[in-house]
Protein backbone atom coordinates (compact mmCIF):
# COMPACT_ATOMS: atom_id res chain seq x y z
CA MET A 1 12.78 6.28 6.12
CA GLY A 2 14.11 8.63 2.95
CA LEU A 3 11.62 11.77 3.86
CA PRO A 4 12.80 14.69 4.68
CA PRO A 5 12.54 16.08 8.64
CA GLU A 6 9.59 18.24 7.84
CA LYS A 7 7.60 15.37 6.04
CA GLN A 8 8.99 12.75 8.88
CA PRO A 9 6.21 11.43 11.05
CA LYS A 10 5.17 12.60 14.31
CA SER A 11 4.95 10.92 17.61
CA GLY A 12 1.55 8.78 16.72
CA GLN A 13 1.72 8.54 13.32
CA GLN A 14 3.07 6.64 10.73
CA CYS A 15 3.90 6.75 6.99
CA ASP A 16 1.44 5.99 4.51
CA GLU A 17 2.58 5.05 1.30
CA TYR A 18 0.04 4.82 -2.08
CA PRO A 19 0.47 2.80 -3.81
CA PHE A 20 0.16 0.16 -0.95
CA ARG A 21 3.65 -1.62 0.09
CA THR A 22 2.37 -5.04 -1.17
CA THR A 23 1.43 -4.19 -5.14
CA LEU A 24 3.69 -4.23 -8.33
CA GLU A 25 4.11 -0.83 -8.06
CA GLY A 26 4.00 0.22 -4.18
CA ALA A 27 6.22 1.47 -1.54
CA ALA A 28 8.61 -1.65 -1.45
CA SER A 29 10.56 -1.35 -5.30
CA LYS A 30 13.48 0.33 -5.14
CA ASP A 31 12.09 3.57 -7.39
CA TRP A 32 10.64 6.25 -5.03
CA ASP A 33 7.49 6.64 -7.89
CA PHE A 34 4.65 6.50 -4.76
CA SER A 35 3.56 8.95 -2.68
CA VAL A 36 4.15 8.80 1.66
CA ARG A 37 2.62 11.21 3.84
CA ALA A 38 1.94 10.63 8.00
CA VAL A 39 -0.96 9.30 8.75
CA ASP A 40 -2.86 8.62 12.94
CA ARG A 41 -1.22 5.31 13.90
CA SER A 42 -4.26 3.93 14.34
CA ASP A 43 -5.77 4.57 11.27
CA ASN A 44 -2.74 3.37 8.83
CA ALA A 45 -3.27 0.53 10.80
CA SER A 46 -6.56 0.00 11.07
CA ALA A 47 -6.36 0.37 6.47
CA GLY A 48 -3.70 -1.65 6.17
CA SER A 49 -5.51 -4.75 8.50
CA ARG A 50 -8.88 -4.13 6.54
CA LEU A 51 -6.93 -5.08 3.11
CA LYS A 52 -4.74 -7.62 4.44
CA LEU A 53 -8.21 -9.29 5.08
CA TYR A 54 -9.56 -8.67 1.82
CA VAL A 55 -6.42 -9.77 0.27
CA LEU A 56 -6.96 -13.32 2.11
CA HIS A 57 -10.49 -13.40 1.82
CA GLU A 58 -10.81 -12.40 -2.14
CA ARG A 59 -7.58 -15.06 -2.11
CA ILE A 60 -5.83 -12.54 -4.40
CA LEU A 61 -2.54 -14.08 -5.33
CA ARG A 62 0.97 -12.83 -5.10
CA TRP A 63 2.30 -11.53 -8.23
CA ASP A 64 3.75 -14.54 -10.61
CA ALA A 65 6.11 -13.38 -13.29
CA GLY A 66 6.65 -16.42 -14.32
CA LEU A 67 3.06 -17.34 -16.28
CA ALA A 68 3.40 -17.40 -19.83
CA ASP A 69 1.50 -14.21 -20.19
CA PRO A 70 1.60 -12.37 -16.67
CA GLN A 71 -0.13 -8.94 -16.92
CA ARG A 72 -3.96 -11.08 -18.16
CA SER A 73 -3.47 -14.00 -15.48
CA ASN A 74 -2.38 -12.60 -12.78
CA ASP A 75 -5.09 -11.57 -9.92
CA ALA A 76 -5.71 -8.00 -10.09
CA TYR A 77 -7.59 -5.50 -7.78
CA TRP A 78 -8.55 -2.50 -6.77
CA VAL A 79 -9.09 -0.32 -3.57
CA ASN A 80 -11.61 2.16 -3.69
CA ILE A 81 -9.75 5.13 -1.76
CA ARG A 82 -11.68 7.70 -0.19
CA TYR A 83 -11.08 11.07 1.34
CA SER A 84 -11.12 11.38 5.48
CA THR A 85 -11.76 14.57 6.21
CA ARG A 86 -10.72 14.33 10.14
């Protein structure tokens, strides 16, 4: 995972990354330029499912760098992140 031992998720937790792994700037890139935090596994799964449903419902398409002007031609979207004190 690449995280120091004290930051590794405990039992019942997963790593939550921001920006999302599915974004151009997200955790799927080779550069570690994102944030990671151990969170409750069910919360992480629920948030991931909701994001997936949003992307499918709004028909947000995969980034296509082959377009004439990728910055203006591809679908852009923003997700409002609310902090939970739970």
